[in-house]
C-alpha cells in the first residue's frame, strides 16, 4: 500500500495541494472547518509528516530544548525535584504538535551558557525551557539578544518581558509565616535556597513582610540558606538549635529540606509539632508520608510543567510575552493541626 501523501489527500478531499499543505500545517489562512476536514482525512489514511523533508524546507529542528540542572555538589542528595514529572508535563502540552523534547544536562551557569550557545548556533532546538532564574540571569540576556524563543520556570527582574510560569513563592512564605504568627510563634526560622535565585529572594521577602506586619523583628540568625537538599535541612536544624533563643516555628523551602529537619529533630529528641512546628512548601506531596506529616503549601507540578510547554508553543508562534506569563498561588494542605507556641509573647 502506497504511503499517503499531500497529493493523495488532495485527491480524496477535492482541495488543492496548497490548501491541504496549509491545513496540515495549521495555517490560519485555511478556515477552521476546512482545516478540520483535511486533518481528519489525513488521520483516517494514516498520513504522517516527513519531518526530515520539513526540517530541510523550514530550516527548523522541531525540537524543544530543556536545560536540566544536575548539581555535582550534592550528587548523592535528593533535592526534592522530580524532573521526570516536569518533562512529562511539557511533553503532554506538546502532543499534537510536531515538536519533541531534547534534554540537556548542565552542572552550572557556565556550562548552561556554553550549551545555549551551541543550541542557538548549531540549530539543535527551536526553543528553550529552563528553571532556577537568577537576579541578573545571563541565560535570559543571551537568548533575548539572539531573539531566540524561551520560557522560564520562574520570573526574572529584567526590564524586557519574557514568557514564564512561576510559583508565588512570596505569597506562600508570607502565608506560612502569618499562620505561625497567629498561632503565637515569635521565633520563626526560614530554611531557604541560595540568595542568588529570584524565588529565594521572593520567599524571604514574603517572610520578612509577614513579620513586619506583625511588628516582629527579622533576626538574620533565623535565616539559613543552602542547596535545596535534605542535608541543608539537617544542617539548618543543628545550627538553629545552638541558638540561645531557639525558634518554635520553621518554614522550609521544599520537602527535601523539610525531611532533613525532621531527621535531625528525631536524632536530637525534639518533638515536631510540640517543640517545633514545621511548614513546607513544594509540589510533590511526599510530605504526607513524613513522620509526622507536615502541613504544606502545595503547587501541582503537572499544571506548572504543562503550562511551560503551552507557553513554549505560543512563544514559537510569536505571542506577546504578556500572554505567556503566569504566577500560580500555592494551596495550603493542613496535614496536622499546627501547635500554638508555648507561652507566646504578646505582639507589641
C-alpha atoms as a PDB file:
ATOM      1  CA  UNK A   1       0.000   0.000   0.000  1.00  0.00           C
ATOM      2  CA  UNK A   2       1.435   3.372  -1.039  1.00  0.00           C
ATOM      3  CA  UNK A   3       2.311   5.827   1.681  1.00  0.00           C
ATOM      4  CA  UNK A   4      -0.300   8.633   1.926  1.00  0.00           C
ATOM      5  CA  UNK A   5       0.925  11.977   0.590  1.00  0.00           C
ATOM      6  CA  UNK A   6      -0.383  15.533   0.417  1.00  0.00           C
ATOM      7  CA  UNK A   7      -1.332  14.893  -3.210  1.00  0.00           C
ATOM      8  CA  UNK A   8      -3.351  11.777  -2.339  1.00  0.00           C
ATOM      9  CA  UNK A   9      -5.154  13.674   0.442  1.00  0.00           C
ATOM     10  CA  UNK A  10      -5.876  16.464  -2.053  1.00  0.00           C
ATOM     11  CA  UNK A  11      -7.413  13.946  -4.463  1.00  0.00           C
ATOM     12  CA  UNK A  12      -9.526  12.401  -1.710  1.00  0.00           C
ATOM     13  CA  UNK A  13     -10.820  15.687  -0.283  1.00  0.00           C
ATOM     14  CA  UNK A  14     -11.080  17.654  -3.524  1.00  0.00           C
ATOM     15  CA  UNK A  15      -8.966  20.531  -2.183  1.00  0.00           C
ATOM     16  CA  UNK A  16      -5.844  21.866  -3.851  1.00  0.00           C
ATOM     17  CA  UNK A  17      -2.391  20.662  -2.836  1.00  0.00           C
ATOM     18  CA  UNK A  18      -1.622  24.128  -1.430  1.00  0.00           C
ATOM     19  CA  UNK A  19      -4.778  24.184   0.699  1.00  0.00           C
ATOM     20  CA  UNK A  20      -4.055  20.686   2.054  1.00  0.00           C
ATOM     21  CA  UNK A  21      -0.465  21.620   2.833  1.00  0.00           C
ATOM     22  CA  UNK A  22      -1.518  24.792   4.652  1.00  0.00           C
ATOM     23  CA  UNK A  23      -4.245  22.947   6.574  1.00  0.00           C
ATOM     24  CA  UNK A  24      -1.849  20.253   7.745  1.00  0.00           C
ATOM     25  CA  UNK A  25       0.497  22.971   8.977  1.00  0.00           C
ATOM     26  CA  UNK A  26      -2.387  24.561  10.892  1.00  0.00           C
ATOM     27  CA  UNK A  27      -2.173  27.812   8.934  1.00  0.00           C
ATOM     28  CA  UNK A  28      -4.831  30.411   9.794  1.00  0.00           C
ATOM     29  CA  UNK A  29      -5.266  31.128   6.070  1.00  0.00           C
ATOM     30  CA  UNK A  30      -7.398  27.956   5.911  1.00  0.00           C
ATOM     31  CA  UNK A  31     -10.746  28.288   7.688  1.00  0.00           C
ATOM     32  CA  UNK A  32     -11.328  26.094  10.739  1.00  0.00           C
ATOM     33  CA  UNK A  33     -13.962  23.856   9.085  1.00  0.00           C
ATOM     34  CA  UNK A  34     -11.775  23.082   6.059  1.00  0.00           C
ATOM     35  CA  UNK A  35      -8.732  22.554   8.300  1.00  0.00           C
ATOM     36  CA  UNK A  36     -10.634  20.061  10.442  1.00  0.00           C
ATOM     37  CA  UNK A  37     -11.925  18.184   7.371  1.00  0.00           C
ATOM     38  CA  UNK A  38      -8.463  17.878   5.839  1.00  0.00           C
ATOM     39  CA  UNK A  39      -6.792  16.902   9.121  1.00  0.00           C
ATOM     40  CA  UNK A  40      -9.470  14.254   9.718  1.00  0.00           C
ATOM     41  CA  UNK A  41      -8.855  12.832   6.242  1.00  0.00           C
ATOM     42  CA  UNK A  42      -5.099  12.781   6.902  1.00  0.00           C
ATOM     43  CA  UNK A  43      -5.626  10.914  10.180  1.00  0.00           C
ATOM     44  CA  UNK A  44      -8.001   8.464   8.503  1.00  0.00           C
ATOM     45  CA  UNK A  45      -5.490   7.445   5.836  1.00  0.00           C
ATOM     46  CA  UNK A  46      -2.548   7.420   8.278  1.00  0.00           C
ATOM     47  CA  UNK A  47      -0.692  10.419   6.849  1.00  0.00           C
ATOM     48  CA  UNK A  48       2.493  11.356   8.651  1.00  0.00           C
ATOM     49  CA  UNK A  49       4.651  14.392   8.035  1.00  0.00           C
ATOM     50  CA  UNK A  50       8.079  13.692   6.554  1.00  0.00           C
ATOM     51  CA  UNK A  51       9.973  15.548   9.247  1.00  0.00           C
ATOM     52  CA  UNK A  52      13.339  15.221   7.521  1.00  0.00           C
ATOM     53  CA  UNK A  53      11.984  16.964   4.444  1.00  0.00           C
ATOM     54  CA  UNK A  54      10.131  19.505   6.564  1.00  0.00           C
ATOM     55  CA  UNK A  55      13.295  20.346   8.503  1.00  0.00           C
ATOM     56  CA  UNK A  56      15.162  20.957   5.251  1.00  0.00           C
ATOM     57  CA  UNK A  57      12.403  23.160   3.854  1.00  0.00           C
ATOM     58  CA  UNK A  58      11.836  25.206   7.023  1.00  0.00           C
ATOM     59  CA  UNK A  59      15.379  25.164   8.466  1.00  0.00           C
ATOM     60  CA  UNK A  60      13.901  24.155  11.828  1.00  0.00           C
ATOM     61  CA  UNK A  61      14.792  21.276  14.155  1.00  0.00           C
ATOM     62  CA  UNK A  62      11.264  20.753  15.557  1.00  0.00           C
ATOM     63  CA  UNK A  63      12.847  20.186  18.941  1.00  0.00           C
ATOM     64  CA  UNK A  64      12.370  21.972  22.254  1.00  0.00           C
ATOM     65  CA  UNK A  65      15.457  22.010  24.446  1.00  0.00           C
ATOM     66  CA  UNK A  66      15.061  21.619  28.216  1.00  0.00           C
ATOM     67  CA  UNK A  67      18.011  22.502  30.427  1.00  0.00           C
ATOM     68  CA  UNK A  68      18.128  20.199  33.443  1.00  0.00           C
ATOM     69  CA  UNK A  69      20.440  21.297  36.257  1.00  0.00           C
ATOM     70  CA  UNK A  70      22.486  18.434  37.647  1.00  0.00           C
ATOM     71  CA  UNK A  71      24.383  19.600  40.717  1.00  0.00           C
ATOM     72  CA  UNK A  72      27.758  17.967  41.281  1.00  0.00           C
ATOM     73  CA  UNK A  73      27.979  19.477  44.772  1.00  0.00           C
ATOM     74  CA  UNK A  74      25.089  17.359  46.031  1.00  0.00           C
ATOM     75  CA  UNK A  75      25.283  14.315  43.759  1.00  0.00           C
ATOM     76  CA  UNK A  76      24.128  11.929  46.486  1.00  0.00           C
ATOM     77  CA  UNK A  77      21.418  14.219  47.834  1.00  0.00           C
ATOM     78  CA  UNK A  78      17.726  14.371  46.987  1.00  0.00           C
ATOM     79  CA  UNK A  79      16.784  17.939  46.033  1.00  0.00           C
ATOM     80  CA  UNK A  80      13.038  17.428  46.062  1.00  0.00           C
ATOM     81  CA  UNK A  81      12.737  17.877  42.297  1.00  0.00           C
ATOM     82  CA  UNK A  82      11.276  15.152  40.109  1.00  0.00           C
ATOM     83  CA  UNK A  83      12.421  16.080  36.616  1.00  0.00           C
ATOM     84  CA  UNK A  84      10.575  13.175  35.001  1.00  0.00           C
ATOM     85  CA  UNK A  85       7.245  14.705  36.046  1.00  0.00           C
ATOM     86  CA  UNK A  86       8.278  18.116  34.745  1.00  0.00           C
ATOM     87  CA  UNK A  87       9.307  16.606  31.408  1.00  0.00           C
ATOM     88  CA  UNK A  88       6.076  14.593  31.283  1.00  0.00           C
ATOM     89  CA  UNK A  89       4.007  17.753  31.748  1.00  0.00           C
ATOM     90  CA  UNK A  90       5.884  19.576  28.989  1.00  0.00           C
ATOM     91  CA  UNK A  91       5.534  16.544  26.699  1.00  0.00           C
ATOM     92  CA  UNK A  92       1.774  16.465  27.324  1.00  0.00           C
ATOM     93  CA  UNK A  93       1.497  20.070  26.158  1.00  0.00           C
ATOM     94  CA  UNK A  94       3.476  19.282  23.006  1.00  0.00           C
ATOM     95  CA  UNK A  95       1.248  16.377  21.982  1.00  0.00           C
ATOM     96  CA  UNK A  96      -0.382  17.072  18.652  1.00  0.00           C
ATOM     97  CA  UNK A  97       2.407  19.424  17.617  1.00  0.00           C
ATOM     98  CA  UNK A  98       5.468  18.428  15.607  1.00  0.00           C
ATOM     99  CA  UNK A  99       7.847  19.225  18.434  1.00  0.00           C
ATOM    100  CA  UNK A 100       9.812  16.750  20.524  1.00  0.00           C
ATOM    101  CA  UNK A 101      11.915  17.276  23.630  1.00  0.00           C
ATOM    102  CA  UNK A 102      15.695  17.277  23.828  1.00  0.00           C
ATOM    103  CA  UNK A 103      17.178  17.252  27.336  1.00  0.00           C
ATOM    104  CA  UNK A 104      20.487  18.973  28.015  1.00  0.00           C
ATOM    105  CA  UNK A 105      22.142  18.314  31.390  1.00  0.00           C
ATOM    106  CA  UNK A 106      24.135  21.234  32.778  1.00  0.00           C
ATOM    107  CA  UNK A 107      26.069  21.476  36.033  1.00  0.00           C
ATOM    108  CA  UNK A 108      26.322  25.260  36.431  1.00  0.00           C
ATOM    109  CA  UNK A 109      25.716  28.598  34.735  1.00  0.00           C
ATOM    110  CA  UNK A 110      28.978  28.440  32.799  1.00  0.00           C
ATOM    111  CA  UNK A 111      28.030  25.082  31.298  1.00  0.00           C
ATOM    112  CA  UNK A 112      24.486  26.303  30.664  1.00  0.00           C
ATOM    113  CA  UNK A 113      25.799  29.291  28.709  1.00  0.00           C
ATOM    114  CA  UNK A 114      28.056  27.086  26.599  1.00  0.00           C
ATOM    115  CA  UNK A 115      25.148  24.714  25.917  1.00  0.00           C
ATOM    116  CA  UNK A 116      22.794  27.547  24.967  1.00  0.00           C
ATOM    117  CA  UNK A 117      25.374  28.980  22.588  1.00  0.00           C
ATOM    118  CA  UNK A 118      25.715  25.572  20.916  1.00  0.00           C
ATOM    119  CA  UNK A 119      21.940  25.133  20.674  1.00  0.00           C
ATOM    120  CA  UNK A 120      21.480  28.547  19.048  1.00  0.00           C
ATOM    121  CA  UNK A 121      24.500  28.402  16.739  1.00  0.00           C
ATOM    122  CA  UNK A 122      24.024  24.790  15.606  1.00  0.00           C
ATOM    123  CA  UNK A 123      20.221  24.869  15.452  1.00  0.00           C
ATOM    124  CA  UNK A 124      19.846  21.989  17.912  1.00  0.00           C
ATOM    125  CA  UNK A 125      16.441  23.271  19.070  1.00  0.00           C
ATOM    126  CA  UNK A 126      13.889  25.918  18.115  1.00  0.00           C
ATOM    127  CA  UNK A 127      13.110  26.964  21.689  1.00  0.00           C
ATOM    128  CA  UNK A 128      14.471  26.541  25.216  1.00  0.00           C
ATOM    129  CA  UNK A 129      12.889  25.894  28.627  1.00  0.00           C
ATOM    130  CA  UNK A 130      14.865  26.262  31.867  1.00  0.00           C
ATOM    131  CA  UNK A 131      14.390  26.953  35.577  1.00  0.00           C
ATOM    132  CA  UNK A 132      16.262  28.458  38.508  1.00  0.00           C
ATOM    133  CA  UNK A 133      16.189  32.070  37.315  1.00  0.00           C
ATOM    134  CA  UNK A 134      18.799  34.417  38.785  1.00  0.00           C
ATOM    135  CA  UNK A 135      18.609  38.115  39.653  1.00  0.00           C
ATOM    136  CA  UNK A 136      20.935  39.045  36.801  1.00  0.00           C
ATOM    137  CA  UNK A 137      20.483  35.988  34.596  1.00  0.00           C
ATOM    138  CA  UNK A 138      22.983  35.750  31.718  1.00  0.00           C
ATOM    139  CA  UNK A 139      20.914  32.984  30.066  1.00  0.00           C
ATOM    140  CA  UNK A 140      17.933  35.295  29.687  1.00  0.00           C
ATOM    141  CA  UNK A 141      20.095  38.183  28.430  1.00  0.00           C
ATOM    142  CA  UNK A 142      21.793  35.914  25.859  1.00  0.00           C
ATOM    143  CA  UNK A 143      18.553  34.434  24.497  1.00  0.00           C
ATOM    144  CA  UNK A 144      16.871  37.838  24.282  1.00  0.00           C
ATOM    145  CA  UNK A 145      19.893  39.248  22.453  1.00  0.00           C
ATOM    146  CA  UNK A 146      19.687  36.351  19.981  1.00  0.00           C
ATOM    147  CA  UNK A 147      15.894  36.795  19.687  1.00  0.00           C
ATOM    148  CA  UNK A 148      15.607  33.073  20.474  1.00  0.00           C
ATOM    149  CA  UNK A 149      12.261  31.767  21.882  1.00  0.00           C
ATOM    150  CA  UNK A 150      12.368  30.583  25.505  1.00  0.00           C
ATOM    151  CA  UNK A 151      10.224  30.063  28.592  1.00  0.00           C
ATOM    152  CA  UNK A 152      11.474  30.038  32.163  1.00  0.00           C
ATOM    153  CA  UNK A 153      10.155  28.317  35.251  1.00  0.00           C
ATOM    154  CA  UNK A 154      10.443  31.352  37.475  1.00  0.00           C
ATOM    155  CA  UNK A 155      10.211  35.051  36.638  1.00  0.00           C
ATOM    156  CA  UNK A 156      13.156  37.403  36.269  1.00  0.00           C
ATOM    157  CA  UNK A 157      13.857  41.005  37.158  1.00  0.00           C
ATOM    158  CA  UNK A 158      14.952  42.206  33.725  1.00  0.00           C
ATOM    159  CA  UNK A 159      13.369  45.182  32.006  1.00  0.00           C
ATOM    160  CA  UNK A 160      12.431  43.227  28.878  1.00  0.00           C
ATOM    161  CA  UNK A 161       9.436  40.902  29.423  1.00  0.00           C
ATOM    162  CA  UNK A 162       9.549  37.210  28.512  1.00  0.00           C
ATOM    163  CA  UNK A 163       7.437  34.076  28.822  1.00  0.00           C
ATOM    164  CA  UNK A 164       7.438  32.426  32.258  1.00  0.00           C
ATOM    165  CA  UNK A 165       5.488  30.218  34.648  1.00  0.00           C
ATOM    166  CA  UNK A 166       6.147  30.966  38.295  1.00  0.00           C
ATOM    167  CA  UNK A 167       5.026  29.867  41.729  1.00  0.00           C
ATOM    168  CA  UNK A 168       4.013  32.684  44.048  1.00  0.00           C
ATOM    169  CA  UNK A 169       6.892  31.995  46.422  1.00  0.00           C
ATOM    170  CA  UNK A 170       6.494  35.325  48.179  1.00  0.00           C
ATOM    171  CA  UNK A 171       2.810  34.685  48.833  1.00  0.00           C
ATOM    172  CA  UNK A 172       3.453  31.162  50.132  1.00  0.00           C
ATOM    173  CA  UNK A 173       6.199  32.298  52.530  1.00  0.00           C
ATOM    174  CA  UNK A 174       4.068  35.205  53.712  1.00  0.00           C
ATOM    175  CA  UNK A 175       1.073  32.959  54.383  1.00  0.00           C
ATOM    176  CA  UNK A 176       3.168  30.339  56.182  1.00  0.00           C
ATOM    177  CA  UNK A 177       4.806  32.988  58.384  1.00  0.00           C
ATOM    178  CA  UNK A 178       1.478  34.681  59.115  1.00  0.00           C
ATOM    179  CA  UNK A 179      -0.019  31.304  60.035  1.00  0.00           C
ATOM    180  CA  UNK A 180       2.703  30.671  62.601  1.00  0.00           C
ATOM    181  CA  UNK A 181       2.464  34.216  63.969  1.00  0.00           C
ATOM    182  CA  UNK A 182      -1.274  33.777  64.508  1.00  0.00           C
ATOM    183  CA  UNK A 183      -0.515  30.606  66.467  1.00  0.00           C
ATOM    184  CA  UNK A 184       1.645  32.679  68.809  1.00  0.00           C
ATOM    185  CA  UNK A 185       5.082  31.900  67.410  1.00  0.00           C
ATOM    186  CA  UNK A 186       7.537  34.777  67.693  1.00  0.00           C
ATOM    187  CA  UNK A 187      10.775  32.993  66.779  1.00  0.00           C
ATOM    188  CA  UNK A 188      10.227  31.646  63.255  1.00  0.00           C
ATOM    189  CA  UNK A 189      13.064  30.227  61.170  1.00  0.00           C
ATOM    190  CA  UNK A 190      13.333  30.183  57.380  1.00  0.00           C
ATOM    191  CA  UNK A 191      15.324  27.470  55.589  1.00  0.00           C
ATOM    192  CA  UNK A 192      15.802  28.884  52.113  1.00  0.00           C
ATOM    193  CA  UNK A 193      17.705  28.268  48.827  1.00  0.00           C
ATOM    194  CA  UNK A 194      20.798  30.367  47.939  1.00  0.00           C
ATOM    195  CA  UNK A 195      20.082  34.097  47.752  1.00  0.00           C
ATOM    196  CA  UNK A 196      21.128  34.388  44.102  1.00  0.00           C
ATOM    197  CA  UNK A 197      17.916  32.687  42.998  1.00  0.00           C
ATOM    198  CA  UNK A 198      14.972  35.002  42.336  1.00  0.00           C
ATOM    199  CA  UNK A 199      12.459  32.744  44.077  1.00  0.00           C
ATOM    200  CA  UNK A 200      14.677  32.572  47.175  1.00  0.00           C
ATOM    201  CA  UNK A 201      14.546  36.369  47.484  1.00  0.00           C
ATOM    202  CA  UNK A 202      10.806  36.311  46.864  1.00  0.00           C
ATOM    203  CA  UNK A 203      10.390  33.764  49.633  1.00  0.00           C
ATOM    204  CA  UNK A 204      12.484  35.794  52.073  1.00  0.00           C
ATOM    205  CA  UNK A 205      10.583  38.975  51.148  1.00  0.00           C
ATOM    206  CA  UNK A 206       7.270  37.281  51.989  1.00  0.00           C
ATOM    207  CA  UNK A 207       8.683  36.047  55.297  1.00  0.00           C
ATOM    208  CA  UNK A 208      10.037  39.480  56.260  1.00  0.00           C
ATOM    209  CA  UNK A 209       6.824  41.198  55.165  1.00  0.00           C
ATOM    210  CA  UNK A 210       4.653  38.979  57.371  1.00  0.00           C
ATOM    211  CA  UNK A 211       6.936  39.526  60.367  1.00  0.00           C
ATOM    212  CA  UNK A 212       6.884  43.284  59.787  1.00  0.00           C
ATOM    213  CA  UNK A 213       3.085  43.339  59.566  1.00  0.00           C
ATOM    214  CA  UNK A 214       3.021  41.628  62.971  1.00  0.00           C
ATOM    215  CA  UNK A 215       5.549  44.160  64.381  1.00  0.00           C
ATOM    216  CA  UNK A 216       8.113  41.403  64.794  1.00  0.00           C
ATOM    217  CA  UNK A 217      11.816  41.950  64.010  1.00  0.00           C
ATOM    218  CA  UNK A 218      13.708  39.940  61.402  1.00  0.00           C
ATOM    219  CA  UNK A 219      16.573  38.048  63.025  1.00  0.00           C
ATOM    220  CA  UNK A 220      19.249  37.087  60.435  1.00  0.00           C
ATOM    221  CA  UNK A 221      20.270  34.208  62.722  1.00  0.00           C
ATOM    222  CA  UNK A 222      16.924  32.544  61.968  1.00  0.00           C
ATOM    223  CA  UNK A 223      17.506  32.535  58.175  1.00  0.00           C
ATOM    224  CA  UNK A 224      19.528  29.580  56.902  1.00  0.00           C
ATOM    225  CA  UNK A 225      20.373  29.183  53.203  1.00  0.00           C
ATOM    226  CA  UNK A 226      21.851  26.386  51.134  1.00  0.00           C
ATOM    227  CA  UNK A 227      21.150  23.862  48.350  1.00  0.00           C
ATOM    228  CA  UNK A 228      17.588  22.525  48.364  1.00  0.00           C
ATOM    229  CA  UNK A 229      18.629  19.200  49.873  1.00  0.00           C
ATOM    230  CA  UNK A 230      17.886  17.177  52.994  1.00  0.00           C
ATOM    231  CA  UNK A 231      21.481  17.821  54.110  1.00  0.00           C
ATOM    232  CA  UNK A 232      20.794  21.574  54.169  1.00  0.00           C
ATOM    233  CA  UNK A 233      17.672  20.973  56.276  1.00  0.00           C
ATOM    234  CA  UNK A 234      19.668  18.895  58.742  1.00  0.00           C
ATOM    235  CA  UNK A 235      22.468  21.467  58.943  1.00  0.00           C
ATOM    236  CA  UNK A 236      19.923  24.241  59.400  1.00  0.00           C
ATOM    237  CA  UNK A 237      18.211  22.456  62.281  1.00  0.00           C
ATOM    238  CA  UNK A 238      21.516  21.797  64.059  1.00  0.00           C
ATOM    239  CA  UNK A 239      22.555  25.453  63.676  1.00  0.00           C
ATOM    240  CA  UNK A 240      19.181  26.752  64.870  1.00  0.00           C
ATOM    241  CA  UNK A 241      19.190  24.514  67.951  1.00  0.00           C
ATOM    242  CA  UNK A 242      22.506  26.072  69.044  1.00  0.00           C
ATOM    243  CA  UNK A 243      20.882  29.489  69.383  1.00  0.00           C
ATOM    244  CA  UNK A 244      20.261  30.698  72.926  1.00  0.00           C
ATOM    245  CA  UNK A 245      16.732  31.694  71.877  1.00  0.00           C
ATOM    246  CA  UNK A 246      15.579  28.805  69.711  1.00  0.00           C
ATOM    247  CA  UNK A 247      12.809  29.057  67.125  1.00  0.00           C
ATOM    248  CA  UNK A 248       9.471  27.399  67.820  1.00  0.00           C
ATOM    249  CA  UNK A 249       8.390  27.511  64.165  1.00  0.00           C
ATOM    250  CA  UNK A 250      10.251  26.707  60.960  1.00  0.00           C
ATOM    251  CA  UNK A 251       9.407  27.213  57.266  1.00  0.00           C
ATOM    252  CA  UNK A 252      11.262  25.053  54.742  1.00  0.00           C
ATOM    253  CA  UNK A 253      11.502  25.935  51.053  1.00  0.00           C
ATOM    254  CA  UNK A 254      10.906  22.377  49.871  1.00  0.00           C
ATOM    255  CA  UNK A 255      10.187  18.865  51.082  1.00  0.00           C
ATOM    256  CA  UNK A 256      13.805  17.720  50.855  1.00  0.00           C
ATOM    257  CA  UNK A 257      14.851  20.399  53.339  1.00  0.00           C
ATOM    258  CA  UNK A 258      11.851  19.506  55.498  1.00  0.00           C
ATOM    259  CA  UNK A 259      12.916  15.869  55.590  1.00  0.00           C
ATOM    260  CA  UNK A 260      16.377  16.923  56.786  1.00  0.00           C
ATOM    261  CA  UNK A 261      14.861  18.994  59.595  1.00  0.00           C
ATOM    262  CA  UNK A 262      12.628  16.098  60.695  1.00  0.00           C
ATOM    263  CA  UNK A 263      15.545  13.665  60.658  1.00  0.00           C
ATOM    264  CA  UNK A 264      17.777  15.954  62.731  1.00  0.00           C
ATOM    265  CA  UNK A 265      14.938  16.666  65.154  1.00  0.00           C
ATOM    266  CA  UNK A 266      14.377  12.939  65.681  1.00  0.00           C
ATOM    267  CA  UNK A 267      18.078  12.419  66.420  1.00  0.00           C
ATOM    268  CA  UNK A 268      18.037  15.327  68.894  1.00  0.00           C
ATOM    269  CA  UNK A 269      14.877  14.167  70.660  1.00  0.00           C
ATOM    270  CA  UNK A 270      12.953  17.261  69.582  1.00  0.00           C
ATOM    271  CA  UNK A 271       9.240  16.650  69.058  1.00  0.00           C
ATOM    272  CA  UNK A 272       7.942  18.064  65.773  1.00  0.00           C
ATOM    273  CA  UNK A 273       4.533  19.582  66.359  1.00  0.00           C
ATOM    274  CA  UNK A 274       5.189  20.179  70.040  1.00  0.00           C
ATOM    275  CA  UNK A 275       8.690  21.647  70.414  1.00  0.00           C
ATOM    276  CA  UNK A 276       8.957  22.858  66.815  1.00  0.00           C
ATOM    277  CA  UNK A 277       6.240  23.375  64.197  1.00  0.00           C
ATOM    278  CA  UNK A 278       7.447  22.829  60.621  1.00  0.00           C
ATOM    279  CA  UNK A 279       5.685  24.012  57.452  1.00  0.00           C
ATOM    280  CA  UNK A 280       6.892  23.009  53.988  1.00  0.00           C
ATOM    281  CA  UNK A 281       6.378  24.457  50.523  1.00  0.00           C
ATOM    282  CA  UNK A 282       6.681  22.198  47.493  1.00  0.00           C
ATOM    283  CA  UNK A 283       4.846  20.412  44.689  1.00  0.00           C
ATOM    284  CA  UNK A 284       5.414  16.679  45.146  1.00  0.00           C
ATOM    285  CA  UNK A 285       3.092  15.835  48.094  1.00  0.00           C
ATOM    286  CA  UNK A 286       5.710  13.496  49.569  1.00  0.00           C
ATOM    287  CA  UNK A 287       5.358  15.213  52.949  1.00  0.00           C
ATOM    288  CA  UNK A 288       2.157  13.246  53.536  1.00  0.00           C
ATOM    289  CA  UNK A 289       4.449  10.258  54.238  1.00  0.00           C
ATOM    290  CA  UNK A 290       6.793  12.089  56.609  1.00  0.00           C
ATOM    291  CA  UNK A 291       6.644  11.272  60.330  1.00  0.00           C
ATOM    292  CA  UNK A 292       4.914  13.348  61.380  1.00  0.00           C
ATOM    293  CA  UNK A 293       3.352  14.577  58.108  1.00  0.00           C
ATOM    294  CA  UNK A 294       3.815  18.327  57.795  1.00  0.00           C
ATOM    295  CA  UNK A 295       1.424  20.990  56.574  1.00  0.00           C
ATOM    296  CA  UNK A 296       2.478  22.085  53.076  1.00  0.00           C
ATOM    297  CA  UNK A 297       1.869  24.952  50.687  1.00  0.00           C
ATOM    298  CA  UNK A 298       1.320  22.968  47.518  1.00  0.00           C
ATOM    299  CA  UNK A 299       1.510  23.810  43.806  1.00  0.00           C
ATOM    300  CA  UNK A 300       0.740  20.978  41.343  1.00  0.00           C
ATOM    301  CA  UNK A 301       3.833  20.195  39.309  1.00  0.00           C
ATOM    302  CA  UNK A 302       1.644  18.883  36.479  1.00  0.00           C
ATOM    303  CA  UNK A 303      -0.002  22.282  35.968  1.00  0.00           C
ATOM    304  CA  UNK A 304       3.221  24.272  36.056  1.00  0.00           C
ATOM    305  CA  UNK A 305       5.094  21.959  33.668  1.00  0.00           C
ATOM    306  CA  UNK A 306       2.170  21.686  31.235  1.00  0.00           C
ATOM    307  CA  UNK A 307       1.979  25.469  31.083  1.00  0.00           C
ATOM    308  CA  UNK A 308       5.691  25.594  30.286  1.00  0.00           C
ATOM    309  CA  UNK A 309       5.021  23.518  27.176  1.00  0.00           C
ATOM    310  CA  UNK A 310       1.932  25.511  26.189  1.00  0.00           C
ATOM    311  CA  UNK A 311       3.741  28.828  26.574  1.00  0.00           C
ATOM    312  CA  UNK A 312       6.696  27.480  24.600  1.00  0.00           C
ATOM    313  CA  UNK A 313       4.426  26.742  21.647  1.00  0.00           C
ATOM    314  CA  UNK A 314       2.930  30.231  21.909  1.00  0.00           C
ATOM    315  CA  UNK A 315       6.381  31.823  22.103  1.00  0.00           C
ATOM    316  CA  UNK A 316       7.395  29.926  18.951  1.00  0.00           C
ATOM    317  CA  UNK A 317       4.309  31.325  17.246  1.00  0.00           C
ATOM    318  CA  UNK A 318       5.402  34.861  18.179  1.00  0.00           C
ATOM    319  CA  UNK A 319       2.947  35.522  21.008  1.00  0.00           C
ATOM    320  CA  UNK A 320       3.248  38.691  23.038  1.00  0.00           C
ATOM    321  CA  UNK A 321       5.111  37.871  26.311  1.00  0.00           C
ATOM    322  CA  UNK A 322       2.202  39.434  28.219  1.00  0.00           C
ATOM    323  CA  UNK A 323       0.090  36.481  27.027  1.00  0.00           C
ATOM    324  CA  UNK A 324       2.594  33.910  28.273  1.00  0.00           C
ATOM    325  CA  UNK A 325       3.201  34.844  31.895  1.00  0.00           C
ATOM    326  CA  UNK A 326       1.532  33.229  34.872  1.00  0.00           C
ATOM    327  CA  UNK A 327       2.131  33.139  38.610  1.00  0.00           C
ATOM    328  CA  UNK A 328       0.446  30.236  40.415  1.00  0.00           C
ATOM    329  CA  UNK A 329      -0.717  30.594  44.016  1.00  0.00           C
ATOM    330  CA  UNK A 330       0.056  27.762  46.416  1.00  0.00           C
ATOM    331  CA  UNK A 331      -2.700  25.985  48.336  1.00  0.00           C
ATOM    332  CA  UNK A 332      -2.349  25.006  51.989  1.00  0.00           C
ATOM    333  CA  UNK A 333      -2.651  21.307  52.732  1.00  0.00           C
ATOM    334  CA  UNK A 334      -3.127  21.026  56.507  1.00  0.00           C
ATOM    335  CA  UNK A 335      -1.955  17.554  57.469  1.00  0.00           C
ATOM    336  CA  UNK A 336      -1.948  18.183  61.190  1.00  0.00           C
ATOM    337  CA  UNK A 337      -3.147  20.996  63.435  1.00  0.00           C
ATOM    338  CA  UNK A 338      -0.108  23.243  63.823  1.00  0.00           C
ATOM    339  CA  UNK A 339       0.534  23.647  67.514  1.00  0.00           C
ATOM    340  CA  UNK A 340       0.329  27.042  69.209  1.00  0.00           C
ATOM    341  CA  UNK A 341       3.613  28.252  70.605  1.00  0.00           C
ATOM    342  CA  UNK A 342       4.191  27.550  74.304  1.00  0.00           C
ATOM    343  CA  UNK A 343       3.672  30.694  76.365  1.00  0.00           C
ATOM    344  CA  UNK A 344       3.579  33.060  73.357  1.00  0.00           C
ATOM    345  CA  UNK A 345       4.814  36.579  73.957  1.00  0.00           C
ATOM    346  CA  UNK A 346       2.340  39.316  73.068  1.00  0.00           C
ATOM    347  CA  UNK A 347       2.980  41.344  69.922  1.00  0.00           C
ATOM    348  CA  UNK A 348       3.839  44.913  70.815  1.00  0.00           C
END
